[in-house]
Amino acid sequence: MNDAKNPRRQRSFGTDTCAACEAVVNTTEWRPAATDRDEAGTYQVYVFCDQDCRTRWKEGRSDCPA
């Protein structure tokens, strides 16, 4: 997937904003998360406000495994 067309994939490791809606996320409490590798092979962790945001993010990615 082209990073220029998918800003979610440009997020840095350990960010404290939701990867789906960009709301501030308190990362000291458990939150839904997903992992992936970017095109350079760098491991990425994405955090989400709640399960609904994680589901919307996952559904918006054509390369995301079921």
PDB file of N, CA and C in Angstrom:
ATOM      1  N   MET A   1       0.851  -1.179   0.000  1.00  0.00           N
ATOM      2  CA  MET A   1       0.000   0.000   0.000  1.00  0.00           C
ATOM      3  C   MET A   1       0.893   1.238   0.000  1.00  0.00           C
ATOM      4  N   ASN A   2       0.511   2.234  -0.720  1.00  0.00           N
ATOM      5  CA  ASN A   2       1.276   3.456  -0.857  1.00  0.00           C
ATOM      6  C   ASN A   2       1.099   4.335   0.374  1.00  0.00           C
ATOM      7  N   ASP A   3       2.191   4.606   1.111  1.00  0.00           N
ATOM      8  CA  ASP A   3       2.120   5.419   2.323  1.00  0.00           C
ATOM      9  C   ASP A   3       1.617   6.827   2.067  1.00  0.00           C
ATOM     10  N   ALA A   4       1.900   7.379   0.904  1.00  0.00           N
ATOM     11  CA  ALA A   4       1.452   8.738   0.612  1.00  0.00           C
ATOM     12  C   ALA A   4      -0.072   8.813   0.556  1.00  0.00           C
ATOM     13  N   LYS A   5      -0.711   7.718   0.198  1.00  0.00           N
ATOM     14  CA  LYS A   5      -2.166   7.688   0.121  1.00  0.00           C
ATOM     15  C   LYS A   5      -2.804   7.153   1.394  1.00  0.00           C
ATOM     16  N   ASN A   6      -2.014   6.682   2.351  1.00  0.00           N
ATOM     17  CA  ASN A   6      -2.538   6.108   3.578  1.00  0.00           C
ATOM     18  C   ASN A   6      -1.773   6.664   4.767  1.00  0.00           C
ATOM     19  N   PRO A   7      -2.194   7.831   5.289  1.00  0.00           N
ATOM     20  CA  PRO A   7      -1.453   8.461   6.380  1.00  0.00           C
ATOM     21  C   PRO A   7      -1.396   7.620   7.645  1.00  0.00           C
ATOM     22  N   ARG A   8      -2.320   6.661   7.832  1.00  0.00           N
ATOM     23  CA  ARG A   8      -2.266   5.793   9.005  1.00  0.00           C
ATOM     24  C   ARG A   8      -0.949   5.052   9.068  1.00  0.00           C
ATOM     25  N   ARG A   9      -0.412   4.672   7.929  1.00  0.00           N
ATOM     26  CA  ARG A   9       0.803   3.875   7.895  1.00  0.00           C
ATOM     27  C   ARG A   9       2.046   4.721   8.148  1.00  0.00           C
ATOM     28  N   GLN A  10       1.901   6.028   8.227  1.00  0.00           N
ATOM     29  CA  GLN A  10       3.036   6.900   8.480  1.00  0.00           C
ATOM     30  C   GLN A  10       3.217   7.194   9.965  1.00  0.00           C
ATOM     31  N   ARG A  11       2.346   6.712  10.817  1.00  0.00           N
ATOM     32  CA  ARG A  11       2.444   6.976  12.248  1.00  0.00           C
ATOM     33  C   ARG A  11       3.709   6.376  12.824  1.00  0.00           C
ATOM     34  N   SER A  12       4.273   7.064  13.777  1.00  0.00           N
ATOM     35  CA  SER A  12       5.476   6.594  14.431  1.00  0.00           C
ATOM     36  C   SER A  12       5.143   5.616  15.542  1.00  0.00           C
ATOM     37  N   PHE A  13       6.084   4.762  15.836  1.00  0.00           N
ATOM     38  CA  PHE A  13       5.953   3.813  16.938  1.00  0.00           C
ATOM     39  C   PHE A  13       5.683   4.564  18.243  1.00  0.00           C
ATOM     40  N   GLY A  14       4.731   4.056  19.018  1.00  0.00           N
ATOM     41  CA  GLY A  14       4.468   4.620  20.329  1.00  0.00           C
ATOM     42  C   GLY A  14       3.684   5.918  20.347  1.00  0.00           C
ATOM     43  N   THR A  15       2.976   6.239  19.299  1.00  0.00           N
ATOM     44  CA  THR A  15       2.202   7.471  19.303  1.00  0.00           C
ATOM     45  C   THR A  15       1.077   7.372  20.311  1.00  0.00           C
ATOM     46  N   ASP A  16       0.587   8.502  20.764  1.00  0.00           N
ATOM     47  CA  ASP A  16      -0.485   8.511  21.752  1.00  0.00           C
ATOM     48  C   ASP A  16      -1.772   9.077  21.169  1.00  0.00           C
ATOM     49  N   THR A  17      -1.971   8.869  19.878  1.00  0.00           N
ATOM     50  CA  THR A  17      -3.229   9.241  19.237  1.00  0.00           C
ATOM     51  C   THR A  17      -3.811   8.008  18.561  1.00  0.00           C
ATOM     52  N   CYS A  18      -5.132   7.964  18.492  1.00  0.00           N
ATOM     53  CA  CYS A  18      -5.827   6.852  17.860  1.00  0.00           C
ATOM     54  C   CYS A  18      -5.471   6.808  16.375  1.00  0.00           C
ATOM     55  N   ALA A  19      -5.106   5.636  15.885  1.00  0.00           N
ATOM     56  CA  ALA A  19      -4.729   5.482  14.481  1.00  0.00           C
ATOM     57  C   ALA A  19      -5.920   5.647  13.549  1.00  0.00           C
ATOM     58  N   ALA A  20      -7.146   5.566  14.076  1.00  0.00           N
ATOM     59  CA  ALA A  20      -8.336   5.704  13.238  1.00  0.00           C
ATOM     60  C   ALA A  20      -8.902   7.117  13.252  1.00  0.00           C
ATOM     61  N   CYS A  21      -9.073   7.699  14.452  1.00  0.00           N
ATOM     62  CA  CYS A  21      -9.749   9.000  14.534  1.00  0.00           C
ATOM     63  C   CYS A  21      -8.849  10.133  15.031  1.00  0.00           C
ATOM     64  N   GLU A  22      -7.618   9.805  15.424  1.00  0.00           N
ATOM     65  CA  GLU A  22      -6.612  10.758  15.882  1.00  0.00           C
ATOM     66  C   GLU A  22      -6.928  11.416  17.219  1.00  0.00           C
ATOM     67  N   ALA A  23      -7.870  10.873  17.978  1.00  0.00           N
ATOM     68  CA  ALA A  23      -8.137  11.377  19.328  1.00  0.00           C
ATOM     69  C   ALA A  23      -6.962  11.001  20.235  1.00  0.00           C
ATOM     70  N   VAL A  24      -6.739  11.792  21.275  1.00  0.00           N
ATOM     71  CA  VAL A  24      -5.680  11.495  22.238  1.00  0.00           C
ATOM     72  C   VAL A  24      -6.043  10.209  22.980  1.00  0.00           C
ATOM     73  N   VAL A  25      -5.054   9.310  23.102  1.00  0.00           N
ATOM     74  CA  VAL A  25      -5.255   8.023  23.763  1.00  0.00           C
ATOM     75  C   VAL A  25      -4.327   7.945  24.972  1.00  0.00           C
ATOM     76  N   ASN A  26      -4.879   7.574  26.117  1.00  0.00           N
ATOM     77  CA  ASN A  26      -4.074   7.371  27.317  1.00  0.00           C
ATOM     78  C   ASN A  26      -3.415   6.004  27.209  1.00  0.00           C
ATOM     79  N   THR A  27      -2.139   5.976  26.873  1.00  0.00           N
ATOM     80  CA  THR A  27      -1.447   4.714  26.649  1.00  0.00           C
ATOM     81  C   THR A  27      -0.969   4.059  27.940  1.00  0.00           C
ATOM     82  N   THR A  28      -1.293   4.659  29.104  1.00  0.00           N
ATOM     83  CA  THR A  28      -0.957   4.003  30.367  1.00  0.00           C
ATOM     84  C   THR A  28      -2.041   3.007  30.764  1.00  0.00           C
ATOM     85  N   GLU A  29      -3.169   3.004  30.043  1.00  0.00           N
ATOM     86  CA  GLU A  29      -4.239   2.043  30.252  1.00  0.00           C
ATOM     87  C   GLU A  29      -4.319   1.143  29.027  1.00  0.00           C
ATOM     88  N   TRP A  30      -4.894  -0.055  29.204  1.00  0.00           N
ATOM     89  CA  TRP A  30      -5.027  -0.973  28.082  1.00  0.00           C
ATOM     90  C   TRP A  30      -5.905  -0.354  27.011  1.00  0.00           C
ATOM     91  N   ARG A  31      -5.476  -0.497  25.776  1.00  0.00           N
ATOM     92  CA  ARG A  31      -6.238  -0.037  24.605  1.00  0.00           C
ATOM     93  C   ARG A  31      -6.100  -1.082  23.519  1.00  0.00           C
ATOM     94  N   PRO A  32      -7.112  -1.192  22.630  1.00  0.00           N
ATOM     95  CA  PRO A  32      -6.951  -2.078  21.478  1.00  0.00           C
ATOM     96  C   PRO A  32      -5.757  -1.602  20.645  1.00  0.00           C
ATOM     97  N   ALA A  33      -5.067  -2.547  20.039  1.00  0.00           N
ATOM     98  CA  ALA A  33      -3.894  -2.215  19.234  1.00  0.00           C
ATOM     99  C   ALA A  33      -3.801  -3.164  18.049  1.00  0.00           C
ATOM    100  N   ALA A  34      -2.981  -2.784  17.088  1.00  0.00           N
ATOM    101  CA  ALA A  34      -2.673  -3.629  15.937  1.00  0.00           C
ATOM    102  C   ALA A  34      -1.205  -3.412  15.608  1.00  0.00           C
ATOM    103  N   THR A  35      -0.601  -4.394  14.979  1.00  0.00           N
ATOM    104  CA  THR A  35       0.792  -4.280  14.560  1.00  0.00           C
ATOM    105  C   THR A  35       0.890  -4.526  13.064  1.00  0.00           C
ATOM    106  N   ASP A  36       1.961  -4.017  12.489  1.00  0.00           N
ATOM    107  CA  ASP A  36       2.193  -4.180  11.055  1.00  0.00           C
ATOM    108  C   ASP A  36       3.639  -3.807  10.786  1.00  0.00           C
ATOM    109  N   ARG A  37       4.095  -4.102   9.613  1.00  0.00           N
ATOM    110  CA  ARG A  37       5.402  -3.625   9.147  1.00  0.00           C
ATOM    111  C   ARG A  37       5.157  -2.670   7.994  1.00  0.00           C
ATOM    112  N   ASP A  38       5.895  -1.557   8.009  1.00  0.00           N
ATOM    113  CA  ASP A  38       5.747  -0.607   6.913  1.00  0.00           C
ATOM    114  C   ASP A  38       6.532  -1.106   5.708  1.00  0.00           C
ATOM    115  N   GLU A  39       6.525  -0.342   4.633  1.00  0.00           N
ATOM    116  CA  GLU A  39       7.178  -0.780   3.395  1.00  0.00           C
ATOM    117  C   GLU A  39       8.677  -0.972   3.547  1.00  0.00           C
ATOM    118  N   ALA A  40       9.286  -0.319   4.542  1.00  0.00           N
ATOM    119  CA  ALA A  40      10.713  -0.487   4.793  1.00  0.00           C
ATOM    120  C   ALA A  40      10.987  -1.689   5.691  1.00  0.00           C
ATOM    121  N   GLY A  41       9.916  -2.325   6.167  1.00  0.00           N
ATOM    122  CA  GLY A  41      10.073  -3.484   7.041  1.00  0.00           C
ATOM    123  C   GLY A  41      10.139  -3.140   8.513  1.00  0.00           C
ATOM    124  N   THR A  42       9.921  -1.875   8.847  1.00  0.00           N
ATOM    125  CA  THR A  42       9.961  -1.440  10.241  1.00  0.00           C
ATOM    126  C   THR A  42       8.670  -1.840  10.942  1.00  0.00           C
ATOM    127  N   TYR A  43       8.813  -2.426  12.117  1.00  0.00           N
ATOM    128  CA  TYR A  43       7.672  -2.860  12.914  1.00  0.00           C
ATOM    129  C   TYR A  43       6.925  -1.642  13.449  1.00  0.00           C
ATOM    130  N   GLN A  44       5.606  -1.619  13.287  1.00  0.00           N
ATOM    131  CA  GLN A  44       4.783  -0.498  13.737  1.00  0.00           C
ATOM    132  C   GLN A  44       3.694  -1.004  14.685  1.00  0.00           C
ATOM    133  N   VAL A  45       3.378  -0.223  15.706  1.00  0.00           N
ATOM    134  CA  VAL A  45       2.279  -0.516  16.622  1.00  0.00           C
ATOM    135  C   VAL A  45       1.290   0.634  16.523  1.00  0.00           C
ATOM    136  N   TYR A  46       0.023   0.309  16.315  1.00  0.00           N
ATOM    137  CA  TYR A  46      -1.034   1.303  16.199  1.00  0.00           C
ATOM    138  C   TYR A  46      -1.982   1.120  17.378  1.00  0.00           C
ATOM    139  N   VAL A  47      -2.305   2.206  18.091  1.00  0.00           N
ATOM    140  CA  VAL A  47      -3.251   2.136  19.207  1.00  0.00           C
ATOM    141  C   VAL A  47      -4.554   2.818  18.814  1.00  0.00           C
ATOM    142  N   PHE A  48      -5.623   2.433  19.511  1.00  0.00           N
ATOM    143  CA  PHE A  48      -6.965   2.912  19.176  1.00  0.00           C
ATOM    144  C   PHE A  48      -7.719   3.315  20.429  1.00  0.00           C
ATOM    145  N   CYS A  49      -8.681   4.224  20.283  1.00  0.00           N
ATOM    146  CA  CYS A  49      -9.551   4.653  21.388  1.00  0.00           C
ATOM    147  C   CYS A  49     -10.314   3.472  21.967  1.00  0.00           C
ATOM    148  N   ASP A  50     -10.883   2.702  21.053  1.00  0.00           N
ATOM    149  CA  ASP A  50     -11.748   1.593  21.448  1.00  0.00           C
ATOM    150  C   ASP A  50     -11.806   0.586  20.308  1.00  0.00           C
ATOM    151  N   GLN A  51     -12.529  -0.495  20.537  1.00  0.00           N
ATOM    152  CA  GLN A  51     -12.612  -1.559  19.539  1.00  0.00           C
ATOM    153  C   GLN A  51     -13.288  -1.086  18.248  1.00  0.00           C
ATOM    154  N   ASP A  52     -14.251  -0.171  18.354  1.00  0.00           N
ATOM    155  CA  ASP A  52     -14.915   0.338  17.151  1.00  0.00           C
ATOM    156  C   ASP A  52     -13.925   1.030  16.224  1.00  0.00           C
ATOM    157  N   CYS A  53     -13.035   1.832  16.785  1.00  0.00           N
ATOM    158  CA  CYS A  53     -12.028   2.507  15.955  1.00  0.00           C
ATOM    159  C   CYS A  53     -11.079   1.487  15.334  1.00  0.00           C
ATOM    160  N   ARG A  54     -10.674   0.472  16.099  1.00  0.00           N
ATOM    161  CA  ARG A  54      -9.791  -0.559  15.547  1.00  0.00           C
ATOM    162  C   ARG A  54     -10.481  -1.289  14.397  1.00  0.00           C
ATOM    163  N   THR A  55     -11.753  -1.602  14.557  1.00  0.00           N
ATOM    164  CA  THR A  55     -12.509  -2.285  13.511  1.00  0.00           C
ATOM    165  C   THR A  55     -12.607  -1.429  12.259  1.00  0.00           C
ATOM    166  N   ARG A  56     -12.921  -0.129  12.422  1.00  0.00           N
ATOM    167  CA  ARG A  56     -12.999   0.769  11.256  1.00  0.00           C
ATOM    168  C   ARG A  56     -11.650   0.864  10.549  1.00  0.00           C
ATOM    169  N   TRP A  57     -10.565   0.957  11.323  1.00  0.00           N
ATOM    170  CA  TRP A  57      -9.217   1.028  10.745  1.00  0.00           C
ATOM    171  C   TRP A  57      -8.912  -0.238   9.963  1.00  0.00           C
ATOM    172  N   LYS A  58      -9.211  -1.399  10.557  1.00  0.00           N
ATOM    173  CA  LYS A  58      -8.931  -2.673   9.914  1.00  0.00           C
ATOM    174  C   LYS A  58      -9.752  -2.833   8.642  1.00  0.00           C
ATOM    175  N   GLU A  59     -11.021  -2.453   8.681  1.00  0.00           N
ATOM    176  CA  GLU A  59     -11.881  -2.562   7.499  1.00  0.00           C
ATOM    177  C   GLU A  59     -11.437  -1.636   6.375  1.00  0.00           C
ATOM    178  N   GLY A  60     -10.753  -0.554   6.703  1.00  0.00           N
ATOM    179  CA  GLY A  60     -10.285   0.397   5.701  1.00  0.00           C
ATOM    180  C   GLY A  60      -8.983  -0.003   5.034  1.00  0.00           C
ATOM    181  N   ARG A  61      -8.440  -1.141   5.412  1.00  0.00           N
ATOM    182  CA  ARG A  61      -7.153  -1.596   4.850  1.00  0.00           C
ATOM    183  C   ARG A  61      -7.369  -2.843   4.007  1.00  0.00           C
ATOM    184  N   SER A  62      -7.067  -2.756   2.748  1.00  0.00           N
ATOM    185  CA  SER A  62      -7.258  -3.901   1.853  1.00  0.00           C
ATOM    186  C   SER A  62      -6.237  -5.009   2.100  1.00  0.00           C
ATOM    187  N   ASP A  63      -5.084  -4.679   2.699  1.00  0.00           N
ATOM    188  CA  ASP A  63      -4.037  -5.682   2.911  1.00  0.00           C
ATOM    189  C   ASP A  63      -4.049  -6.267   4.322  1.00  0.00           C
ATOM    190  N   CYS A  64      -5.071  -5.942   5.109  1.00  0.00           N
ATOM    191  CA  CYS A  64      -5.130  -6.411   6.494  1.00  0.00           C
ATOM    192  C   CYS A  64      -5.715  -7.819   6.541  1.00  0.00           C
ATOM    193  N   PRO A  65      -4.999  -8.765   7.144  1.00  0.00           N
ATOM    194  CA  PRO A  65      -5.545 -10.129   7.225  1.00  0.00           C
ATOM    195  C   PRO A  65      -6.790 -10.171   8.094  1.00  0.00           C
ATOM    196  N   ALA A  66      -7.674 -11.070   7.788  1.00  0.00           N
ATOM    197  CA  ALA A  66      -8.932 -11.212   8.535  1.00  0.00           C
ATOM    198  C   ALA A  66      -8.685 -11.716   9.932  1.00  0.00           C
TER     199      ALA A  66
END
